[in-house]
N, C-alpha and C. Protein backbone atom coordinates (compact mmCIF):
# COMPACT_ATOMS: atom_id res chain seq x y z
N MET A 1 4.86 8.23 15.94
CA MET A 1 5.31 9.41 15.23
C MET A 1 4.32 9.72 14.12
N PRO A 2 3.80 10.95 14.06
CA PRO A 2 2.86 11.29 13.00
C PRO A 2 3.59 11.51 11.68
N PHE A 3 3.03 10.98 10.61
CA PHE A 3 3.61 11.11 9.28
C PHE A 3 2.71 11.96 8.41
N SER A 4 3.27 12.40 7.28
CA SER A 4 2.48 13.17 6.32
C SER A 4 1.43 12.26 5.69
N LYS A 5 0.47 12.87 5.02
CA LYS A 5 -0.59 12.09 4.37
C LYS A 5 -0.03 11.17 3.30
N LYS A 6 1.01 11.63 2.58
CA LYS A 6 1.61 10.81 1.53
C LYS A 6 2.26 9.56 2.12
N ILE A 7 2.98 9.74 3.23
CA ILE A 7 3.65 8.59 3.85
C ILE A 7 2.61 7.62 4.40
N GLU A 8 1.58 8.13 5.06
CA GLU A 8 0.53 7.26 5.60
C GLU A 8 -0.17 6.48 4.49
N ALA A 9 -0.46 7.13 3.36
CA ALA A 9 -1.11 6.44 2.24
C ALA A 9 -0.21 5.35 1.68
N ALA A 10 1.07 5.66 1.50
CA ALA A 10 2.00 4.67 0.97
C ALA A 10 2.16 3.50 1.94
N LEU A 11 2.28 3.80 3.22
CA LEU A 11 2.40 2.72 4.21
C LEU A 11 1.16 1.84 4.23
N GLY A 12 -0.01 2.44 4.06
CA GLY A 12 -1.25 1.66 4.00
C GLY A 12 -1.23 0.67 2.85
N ASN A 13 -0.73 1.11 1.69
CA ASN A 13 -0.63 0.21 0.54
C ASN A 13 0.31 -0.95 0.84
N PHE A 14 1.42 -0.67 1.48
CA PHE A 14 2.39 -1.73 1.77
C PHE A 14 1.93 -2.63 2.92
N ARG A 15 1.14 -2.12 3.83
CA ARG A 15 0.56 -2.99 4.87
C ARG A 15 -0.32 -4.05 4.23
N ARG A 16 -1.14 -3.61 3.28
CA ARG A 16 -2.01 -4.57 2.58
C ARG A 16 -1.19 -5.57 1.77
N ALA A 17 -0.15 -5.09 1.08
CA ALA A 17 0.70 -5.99 0.28
C ALA A 17 1.42 -6.99 1.17
N PHE A 18 1.91 -6.54 2.32
CA PHE A 18 2.61 -7.43 3.24
C PHE A 18 1.66 -8.47 3.82
N ALA A 19 0.44 -8.06 4.12
CA ALA A 19 -0.54 -8.98 4.71
C ALA A 19 -0.88 -10.13 3.78
N VAL A 20 -0.84 -9.89 2.47
CA VAL A 20 -1.17 -10.95 1.52
C VAL A 20 0.08 -11.57 0.89
N GLY A 21 1.27 -11.20 1.39
CA GLY A 21 2.51 -11.79 0.89
C GLY A 21 2.93 -11.32 -0.47
N ARG A 22 2.63 -10.07 -0.82
CA ARG A 22 2.94 -9.54 -2.15
C ARG A 22 3.87 -8.31 -2.08
N MET A 23 4.86 -8.38 -1.21
CA MET A 23 5.80 -7.26 -1.09
C MET A 23 6.74 -7.23 -2.29
N PRO A 24 7.04 -6.04 -2.79
CA PRO A 24 8.04 -5.94 -3.86
C PRO A 24 9.43 -6.22 -3.29
N HIS A 25 10.36 -6.51 -4.17
CA HIS A 25 11.73 -6.77 -3.71
C HIS A 25 12.57 -5.50 -3.68
N ALA A 26 12.14 -4.47 -4.42
CA ALA A 26 12.91 -3.22 -4.46
C ALA A 26 11.97 -2.03 -4.55
N LEU A 27 12.31 -0.98 -3.82
CA LEU A 27 11.53 0.25 -3.83
C LEU A 27 12.42 1.43 -4.16
N MET A 28 11.94 2.31 -4.99
CA MET A 28 12.61 3.58 -5.26
C MET A 28 11.76 4.64 -4.55
N VAL A 29 12.26 5.16 -3.44
CA VAL A 29 11.53 6.12 -2.64
C VAL A 29 11.99 7.52 -3.00
N SER A 30 11.08 8.30 -3.54
CA SER A 30 11.38 9.70 -3.86
C SER A 30 11.00 10.55 -2.67
N GLY A 31 12.00 11.00 -1.95
CA GLY A 31 11.81 11.81 -0.77
C GLY A 31 13.18 12.11 -0.19
N HIS A 32 13.29 13.14 0.59
CA HIS A 32 14.61 13.51 1.09
C HIS A 32 15.15 12.43 2.02
N PRO A 33 16.41 12.00 1.80
CA PRO A 33 17.00 10.94 2.61
C PRO A 33 17.19 11.29 4.09
N ARG A 34 17.09 12.54 4.44
CA ARG A 34 17.17 12.93 5.85
C ARG A 34 15.81 13.37 6.37
N GLY A 35 14.77 13.19 5.56
CA GLY A 35 13.44 13.60 5.95
C GLY A 35 12.42 12.53 5.67
N ALA A 36 11.48 12.85 4.77
CA ALA A 36 10.37 11.95 4.48
C ALA A 36 10.82 10.60 3.93
N GLY A 37 11.89 10.58 3.14
CA GLY A 37 12.37 9.33 2.57
C GLY A 37 12.84 8.35 3.63
N SER A 38 13.65 8.82 4.57
CA SER A 38 14.13 7.92 5.62
C SER A 38 13.02 7.60 6.62
N ASP A 39 12.11 8.55 6.86
CA ASP A 39 10.98 8.26 7.75
C ASP A 39 10.14 7.12 7.18
N PHE A 40 9.88 7.18 5.86
CA PHE A 40 9.11 6.11 5.22
C PHE A 40 9.85 4.78 5.30
N ALA A 41 11.17 4.79 5.03
CA ALA A 41 11.95 3.56 5.06
C ALA A 41 11.92 2.93 6.45
N GLU A 42 12.09 3.75 7.48
CA GLU A 42 12.07 3.22 8.85
C GLU A 42 10.70 2.65 9.21
N ALA A 43 9.64 3.35 8.82
CA ALA A 43 8.29 2.86 9.12
C ALA A 43 7.99 1.56 8.36
N LEU A 44 8.42 1.49 7.12
CA LEU A 44 8.21 0.28 6.32
C LEU A 44 8.97 -0.90 6.92
N LEU A 45 10.21 -0.68 7.31
CA LEU A 45 10.99 -1.76 7.91
C LEU A 45 10.45 -2.15 9.27
N GLY A 46 9.89 -1.19 10.00
CA GLY A 46 9.24 -1.50 11.26
C GLY A 46 8.05 -2.43 11.07
N MET A 47 7.39 -2.30 9.92
CA MET A 47 6.26 -3.17 9.61
C MET A 47 6.75 -4.59 9.26
N VAL A 48 7.84 -4.67 8.50
CA VAL A 48 8.37 -5.98 8.08
C VAL A 48 9.06 -6.68 9.24
N PHE A 49 9.82 -5.93 10.03
CA PHE A 49 10.55 -6.49 11.17
C PHE A 49 9.80 -6.12 12.45
N ARG A 50 8.65 -6.71 12.64
CA ARG A 50 7.76 -6.36 13.77
C ARG A 50 8.39 -6.61 15.14
N GLU A 51 9.28 -7.59 15.22
CA GLU A 51 9.88 -7.92 16.51
C GLU A 51 10.90 -6.88 16.97
N THR A 52 11.31 -5.99 16.07
CA THR A 52 12.29 -4.95 16.41
C THR A 52 11.58 -3.68 16.84
N GLN A 53 12.00 -3.11 17.94
CA GLN A 53 11.42 -1.85 18.40
C GLN A 53 11.73 -0.75 17.38
N ALA A 54 10.80 0.19 17.24
CA ALA A 54 10.94 1.24 16.24
C ALA A 54 12.23 2.04 16.40
N ASN A 55 12.63 2.31 17.64
CA ASN A 55 13.83 3.10 17.85
C ASN A 55 15.12 2.28 17.68
N LYS A 56 15.00 0.96 17.46
CA LYS A 56 16.17 0.09 17.28
C LYS A 56 16.25 -0.48 15.87
N ILE A 57 15.44 0.02 14.95
CA ILE A 57 15.37 -0.56 13.60
C ILE A 57 16.71 -0.43 12.87
N ARG A 58 17.46 0.62 13.14
CA ARG A 58 18.76 0.79 12.48
C ARG A 58 19.84 -0.14 13.03
N GLN A 59 19.59 -0.77 14.16
CA GLN A 59 20.56 -1.69 14.74
C GLN A 59 20.25 -3.16 14.43
N ASN A 60 19.16 -3.44 13.74
CA ASN A 60 18.80 -4.82 13.42
C ASN A 60 19.87 -5.44 12.54
N VAL A 61 20.31 -6.66 12.87
CA VAL A 61 21.39 -7.31 12.13
C VAL A 61 20.97 -7.75 10.73
N ASP A 62 19.68 -7.84 10.48
CA ASP A 62 19.19 -8.24 9.16
C ASP A 62 18.88 -7.04 8.26
N ILE A 63 19.28 -5.86 8.69
CA ILE A 63 19.07 -4.64 7.90
C ILE A 63 20.40 -3.91 7.78
N GLN A 64 20.76 -3.55 6.56
CA GLN A 64 21.95 -2.73 6.34
C GLN A 64 21.53 -1.35 5.88
N TRP A 65 22.20 -0.34 6.42
CA TRP A 65 21.97 1.05 6.02
C TRP A 65 23.24 1.54 5.35
N ILE A 66 23.10 2.05 4.13
CA ILE A 66 24.25 2.53 3.37
C ILE A 66 24.00 3.98 3.00
N GLU A 67 25.05 4.78 3.14
CA GLU A 67 24.99 6.16 2.67
C GLU A 67 26.39 6.57 2.25
N PRO A 68 26.52 7.67 1.54
CA PRO A 68 27.84 8.06 1.03
C PRO A 68 28.84 8.26 2.17
N GLU A 69 30.08 7.91 1.86
CA GLU A 69 31.14 8.15 2.83
C GLU A 69 31.48 9.64 2.80
N SER A 70 31.96 10.14 3.89
CA SER A 70 32.11 11.58 4.07
C SER A 70 33.04 12.25 3.07
N LYS A 71 34.20 11.68 2.77
CA LYS A 71 35.14 12.38 1.91
C LYS A 71 34.72 12.37 0.44
N SER A 72 34.35 11.22 -0.07
CA SER A 72 34.06 11.11 -1.50
C SER A 72 32.65 11.57 -1.85
N ARG A 73 31.73 11.48 -0.88
CA ARG A 73 30.33 11.81 -1.10
C ARG A 73 29.70 10.94 -2.18
N GLN A 74 30.31 9.77 -2.42
CA GLN A 74 29.78 8.82 -3.37
C GLN A 74 29.62 7.46 -2.70
N ILE A 75 28.77 6.66 -3.30
CA ILE A 75 28.63 5.26 -2.87
C ILE A 75 29.38 4.44 -3.91
N ARG A 76 30.38 3.72 -3.46
CA ARG A 76 31.28 3.00 -4.37
C ARG A 76 31.07 1.49 -4.28
N VAL A 77 31.51 0.82 -5.35
CA VAL A 77 31.32 -0.63 -5.46
C VAL A 77 32.07 -1.39 -4.38
N GLU A 78 33.36 -1.23 -4.32
CA GLU A 78 34.19 -2.06 -3.45
C GLU A 78 33.89 -1.86 -1.97
N GLU A 79 33.69 -0.60 -1.56
CA GLU A 79 33.52 -0.32 -0.15
C GLU A 79 32.11 -0.62 0.36
N GLN A 80 31.09 -0.44 -0.50
CA GLN A 80 29.73 -0.52 0.02
C GLN A 80 28.80 -1.47 -0.74
N ILE A 81 28.86 -1.51 -2.05
CA ILE A 81 27.90 -2.32 -2.81
C ILE A 81 28.27 -3.80 -2.81
N ARG A 82 29.52 -4.16 -2.97
CA ARG A 82 29.90 -5.58 -2.91
C ARG A 82 29.57 -6.20 -1.55
N PRO A 83 29.89 -5.52 -0.43
CA PRO A 83 29.46 -6.09 0.86
C PRO A 83 27.94 -6.23 0.97
N LEU A 84 27.19 -5.30 0.35
CA LEU A 84 25.73 -5.39 0.36
C LEU A 84 25.26 -6.62 -0.41
N ILE A 85 25.86 -6.88 -1.56
CA ILE A 85 25.50 -8.05 -2.36
C ILE A 85 25.82 -9.33 -1.59
N ASP A 86 26.98 -9.36 -0.92
CA ASP A 86 27.33 -10.51 -0.09
C ASP A 86 26.34 -10.68 1.06
N PHE A 87 25.92 -9.58 1.65
CA PHE A 87 24.94 -9.59 2.74
C PHE A 87 23.64 -10.24 2.28
N PHE A 88 23.17 -9.90 1.08
CA PHE A 88 21.93 -10.47 0.56
C PHE A 88 22.08 -11.95 0.21
N SER A 89 23.30 -12.40 -0.06
CA SER A 89 23.48 -13.81 -0.44
C SER A 89 23.45 -14.74 0.78
N MET A 90 23.62 -14.19 1.98
CA MET A 90 23.58 -15.01 3.19
C MET A 90 22.15 -15.12 3.71
N THR A 91 21.91 -16.13 4.54
CA THR A 91 20.57 -16.27 5.13
C THR A 91 20.38 -15.27 6.26
N SER A 92 19.16 -15.02 6.56
CA SER A 92 18.80 -14.07 7.61
C SER A 92 19.20 -14.61 8.98
N TYR A 93 19.65 -13.75 9.84
CA TYR A 93 20.02 -14.15 11.19
C TYR A 93 18.79 -14.66 11.95
N ALA A 94 17.67 -13.96 11.81
CA ALA A 94 16.45 -14.33 12.52
C ALA A 94 15.60 -15.33 11.74
N GLY A 95 16.03 -15.68 10.54
CA GLY A 95 15.28 -16.65 9.76
C GLY A 95 14.13 -16.06 8.95
N GLY A 96 14.08 -14.77 8.81
CA GLY A 96 13.00 -14.13 8.06
C GLY A 96 13.53 -13.26 6.95
N TRP A 97 13.14 -12.01 6.96
CA TRP A 97 13.49 -11.05 5.93
C TRP A 97 14.90 -10.51 6.11
N LYS A 98 15.47 -10.06 4.99
CA LYS A 98 16.71 -9.28 4.97
C LYS A 98 16.39 -8.01 4.20
N ALA A 99 16.95 -6.90 4.64
CA ALA A 99 16.66 -5.63 3.99
C ALA A 99 17.89 -4.74 3.96
N ALA A 100 17.91 -3.84 3.01
CA ALA A 100 18.96 -2.83 2.93
C ALA A 100 18.32 -1.53 2.48
N VAL A 101 18.82 -0.45 3.05
CA VAL A 101 18.37 0.89 2.69
C VAL A 101 19.59 1.65 2.20
N ILE A 102 19.49 2.20 0.99
CA ILE A 102 20.57 3.03 0.46
C ILE A 102 20.07 4.46 0.45
N LEU A 103 20.57 5.25 1.40
CA LEU A 103 20.22 6.67 1.47
C LEU A 103 21.09 7.42 0.46
N PHE A 104 20.52 8.44 -0.15
CA PHE A 104 21.20 9.21 -1.20
C PHE A 104 21.63 8.27 -2.32
N ALA A 105 20.70 7.42 -2.77
CA ALA A 105 21.00 6.42 -3.79
C ALA A 105 21.49 7.06 -5.09
N ASP A 106 21.12 8.31 -5.33
CA ASP A 106 21.57 9.00 -6.55
C ASP A 106 23.08 9.24 -6.53
N ARG A 107 23.73 9.05 -5.40
CA ARG A 107 25.17 9.25 -5.32
C ARG A 107 25.96 7.97 -5.57
N MET A 108 25.26 6.90 -5.98
CA MET A 108 25.99 5.70 -6.39
C MET A 108 26.67 6.02 -7.71
N ASN A 109 27.96 5.71 -7.81
CA ASN A 109 28.61 5.94 -9.10
C ASN A 109 28.12 4.89 -10.09
N LEU A 110 28.49 5.05 -11.34
CA LEU A 110 27.98 4.18 -12.40
C LEU A 110 28.34 2.71 -12.15
N ASN A 111 29.55 2.45 -11.68
CA ASN A 111 29.96 1.06 -11.40
C ASN A 111 29.11 0.46 -10.28
N ALA A 112 28.81 1.25 -9.27
CA ALA A 112 27.99 0.76 -8.16
C ALA A 112 26.58 0.44 -8.64
N GLN A 113 26.02 1.30 -9.49
CA GLN A 113 24.68 1.05 -10.01
C GLN A 113 24.66 -0.22 -10.85
N ASN A 114 25.67 -0.40 -11.69
CA ASN A 114 25.72 -1.60 -12.53
C ASN A 114 25.90 -2.86 -11.69
N ALA A 115 26.69 -2.78 -10.63
CA ALA A 115 26.90 -3.95 -9.76
C ALA A 115 25.61 -4.33 -9.04
N LEU A 116 24.80 -3.35 -8.72
CA LEU A 116 23.55 -3.60 -7.99
C LEU A 116 22.47 -4.22 -8.88
N LEU A 117 22.61 -4.08 -10.20
CA LEU A 117 21.59 -4.57 -11.13
C LEU A 117 21.34 -6.07 -11.01
N LYS A 118 22.38 -6.86 -10.84
CA LYS A 118 22.19 -8.32 -10.75
C LYS A 118 21.30 -8.68 -9.57
N THR A 119 21.50 -8.00 -8.44
CA THR A 119 20.67 -8.26 -7.27
C THR A 119 19.23 -7.83 -7.53
N LEU A 120 19.05 -6.75 -8.26
CA LEU A 120 17.69 -6.29 -8.59
C LEU A 120 17.01 -7.22 -9.59
N GLU A 121 17.78 -7.79 -10.50
CA GLU A 121 17.20 -8.68 -11.51
C GLU A 121 16.87 -10.05 -10.94
N GLU A 122 17.68 -10.54 -10.01
CA GLU A 122 17.47 -11.86 -9.41
C GLU A 122 17.51 -11.73 -7.89
N PRO A 123 16.46 -11.14 -7.31
CA PRO A 123 16.49 -10.91 -5.85
C PRO A 123 16.33 -12.22 -5.08
N PRO A 124 17.04 -12.32 -3.96
CA PRO A 124 16.84 -13.49 -3.10
C PRO A 124 15.43 -13.44 -2.49
N PRO A 125 14.89 -14.57 -2.09
CA PRO A 125 13.56 -14.56 -1.46
C PRO A 125 13.59 -13.81 -0.13
N GLN A 126 12.49 -13.21 0.20
CA GLN A 126 12.31 -12.43 1.43
C GLN A 126 13.42 -11.40 1.62
N SER A 127 13.68 -10.65 0.54
CA SER A 127 14.65 -9.56 0.62
C SER A 127 13.97 -8.28 0.15
N LEU A 128 14.42 -7.18 0.71
CA LEU A 128 13.84 -5.88 0.39
C LEU A 128 14.97 -4.87 0.28
N LEU A 129 15.03 -4.19 -0.85
CA LEU A 129 16.02 -3.15 -1.08
C LEU A 129 15.29 -1.83 -1.25
N VAL A 130 15.62 -0.85 -0.42
CA VAL A 130 14.95 0.45 -0.45
C VAL A 130 15.98 1.49 -0.86
N LEU A 131 15.76 2.09 -2.03
CA LEU A 131 16.63 3.15 -2.54
C LEU A 131 15.96 4.49 -2.26
N VAL A 132 16.58 5.32 -1.44
CA VAL A 132 15.99 6.59 -1.05
C VAL A 132 16.78 7.71 -1.71
N THR A 133 16.09 8.56 -2.45
CA THR A 133 16.73 9.68 -3.14
C THR A 133 15.73 10.80 -3.35
N ASP A 134 16.24 12.02 -3.44
CA ASP A 134 15.35 13.12 -3.78
C ASP A 134 15.45 13.46 -5.27
N SER A 135 16.27 12.71 -6.02
CA SER A 135 16.34 12.89 -7.47
C SER A 135 16.47 11.53 -8.16
N PRO A 136 15.36 10.80 -8.26
CA PRO A 136 15.41 9.44 -8.82
C PRO A 136 15.79 9.40 -10.30
N ALA A 137 15.61 10.49 -11.02
CA ALA A 137 15.92 10.49 -12.46
C ALA A 137 17.41 10.33 -12.72
N THR A 138 18.26 10.55 -11.73
CA THR A 138 19.70 10.43 -11.94
C THR A 138 20.19 8.99 -11.91
N LEU A 139 19.34 8.07 -11.48
CA LEU A 139 19.72 6.65 -11.47
C LEU A 139 19.49 6.03 -12.84
N LEU A 140 20.17 4.94 -13.10
CA LEU A 140 20.03 4.25 -14.38
C LEU A 140 18.57 3.87 -14.63
N PRO A 141 18.12 3.96 -15.87
CA PRO A 141 16.74 3.56 -16.18
C PRO A 141 16.46 2.10 -15.83
N THR A 142 17.47 1.24 -15.94
CA THR A 142 17.26 -0.18 -15.61
C THR A 142 17.02 -0.36 -14.11
N ILE A 143 17.64 0.46 -13.28
CA ILE A 143 17.38 0.39 -11.84
C ILE A 143 15.98 0.89 -11.54
N ARG A 144 15.61 1.99 -12.18
CA ARG A 144 14.26 2.55 -11.95
C ARG A 144 13.18 1.58 -12.42
N SER A 145 13.42 0.88 -13.52
CA SER A 145 12.39 -0.02 -14.05
C SER A 145 12.23 -1.29 -13.22
N ARG A 146 13.23 -1.64 -12.41
CA ARG A 146 13.16 -2.85 -11.59
C ARG A 146 12.77 -2.56 -10.15
N SER A 147 12.39 -1.32 -9.88
CA SER A 147 12.00 -0.92 -8.54
C SER A 147 10.60 -0.34 -8.57
N GLN A 148 9.85 -0.58 -7.53
CA GLN A 148 8.53 0.03 -7.41
C GLN A 148 8.71 1.46 -6.90
N TYR A 149 8.10 2.41 -7.58
CA TYR A 149 8.27 3.83 -7.27
C TYR A 149 7.28 4.27 -6.19
N VAL A 150 7.80 4.98 -5.17
CA VAL A 150 6.97 5.52 -4.10
C VAL A 150 7.37 6.98 -3.91
N ASP A 151 6.42 7.88 -4.03
CA ASP A 151 6.69 9.31 -3.87
C ASP A 151 6.17 9.77 -2.51
N VAL A 152 7.10 10.19 -1.64
CA VAL A 152 6.72 10.69 -0.33
C VAL A 152 7.25 12.11 -0.10
N THR A 153 7.55 12.82 -1.20
CA THR A 153 8.09 14.17 -1.07
C THR A 153 7.08 15.07 -0.39
N GLU A 154 7.61 15.94 0.47
CA GLU A 154 6.75 16.89 1.15
C GLU A 154 6.42 18.02 0.18
N ASP A 155 5.19 18.46 0.21
CA ASP A 155 4.80 19.58 -0.63
C ASP A 155 5.26 20.86 0.05
N SER A 156 6.27 21.49 -0.53
CA SER A 156 6.83 22.69 0.09
C SER A 156 6.00 23.93 -0.20
N ARG A 157 5.04 23.82 -1.10
CA ARG A 157 4.21 24.97 -1.42
C ARG A 157 2.95 24.93 -0.57
N SER A 158 2.96 25.68 0.47
CA SER A 158 1.78 25.77 1.32
C SER A 158 0.96 26.97 0.87
N LEU A 159 -0.23 26.72 0.36
CA LEU A 159 -1.06 27.80 -0.17
C LEU A 159 -1.67 28.67 0.91
N ASP A 160 -1.56 28.27 2.16
CA ASP A 160 -2.10 29.09 3.21
C ASP A 160 -1.01 29.93 3.90
N ALA A 161 0.19 29.97 3.32
CA ALA A 161 1.26 30.79 3.88
C ALA A 161 0.91 32.27 3.73
N ALA A 162 1.39 33.07 4.66
CA ALA A 162 1.04 34.50 4.71
C ALA A 162 1.54 35.27 3.48
N TRP A 163 2.62 34.85 2.88
CA TRP A 163 3.19 35.59 1.77
C TRP A 163 2.52 35.30 0.44
N VAL A 164 1.75 34.23 0.33
CA VAL A 164 1.15 33.85 -0.95
C VAL A 164 0.19 34.92 -1.50
N PRO A 165 -0.74 35.46 -0.72
CA PRO A 165 -1.64 36.48 -1.27
C PRO A 165 -0.89 37.74 -1.73
N VAL A 166 0.15 38.11 -1.02
CA VAL A 166 0.93 39.30 -1.41
C VAL A 166 1.61 39.07 -2.75
N VAL A 167 2.24 37.92 -2.91
CA VAL A 167 2.92 37.62 -4.17
C VAL A 167 1.92 37.49 -5.30
N MET A 168 0.80 36.81 -5.05
CA MET A 168 -0.21 36.67 -6.10
C MET A 168 -0.76 38.03 -6.52
N ASP A 169 -0.96 38.93 -5.56
CA ASP A 169 -1.43 40.28 -5.90
C ASP A 169 -0.40 41.02 -6.74
N LEU A 170 0.88 40.88 -6.40
CA LEU A 170 1.94 41.52 -7.19
C LEU A 170 2.01 40.95 -8.61
N LEU A 171 1.79 39.66 -8.73
CA LEU A 171 1.81 39.05 -10.05
C LEU A 171 0.61 39.49 -10.91
N ARG A 172 -0.54 39.65 -10.26
CA ARG A 172 -1.73 40.08 -11.00
C ARG A 172 -1.67 41.55 -11.36
N HIS A 173 -1.10 42.36 -10.50
CA HIS A 173 -1.02 43.82 -10.70
C HIS A 173 0.41 44.29 -10.51
N PRO A 174 1.25 44.12 -11.54
CA PRO A 174 2.65 44.51 -11.38
C PRO A 174 2.77 46.01 -11.10
N PRO A 175 3.82 46.43 -10.40
CA PRO A 175 4.00 47.84 -10.10
C PRO A 175 4.29 48.66 -11.35
């Protein structure tokens, strides 16, 4: 699957980090959770979990995917974050890495964010937590400071679009 230049550059950095055993324990991915953000998360996990086929990465037993529940549109402590913390406390099924991806991480309520802090402060070995959001500033500063920031947002401003010269001409010479 072809990725944007930003995603390819970020993946290149993490390939090098993984090769020398210097992977971070938590990532804050700035990108849309249904677009570039989840594409990056899947590609990154495909690199860490090499034995899993790319199209089966979401079914790997050592990876949890969390997103808001439909009615509340929030990620809550009891239903989703506590089971995630318990998941990280157990050993890996395959004997290697454990990972979790939280899509729409900005929708974690305050209690969920605070509950996740202990795992971010004292991560288990060979664990990876990927927080995907298109608005990282809404998360607690302590969560942002304990995560490595990766920006994979797509540039929506294409300067070669047909409407750009018309708008620029109107701005330079108003009617």
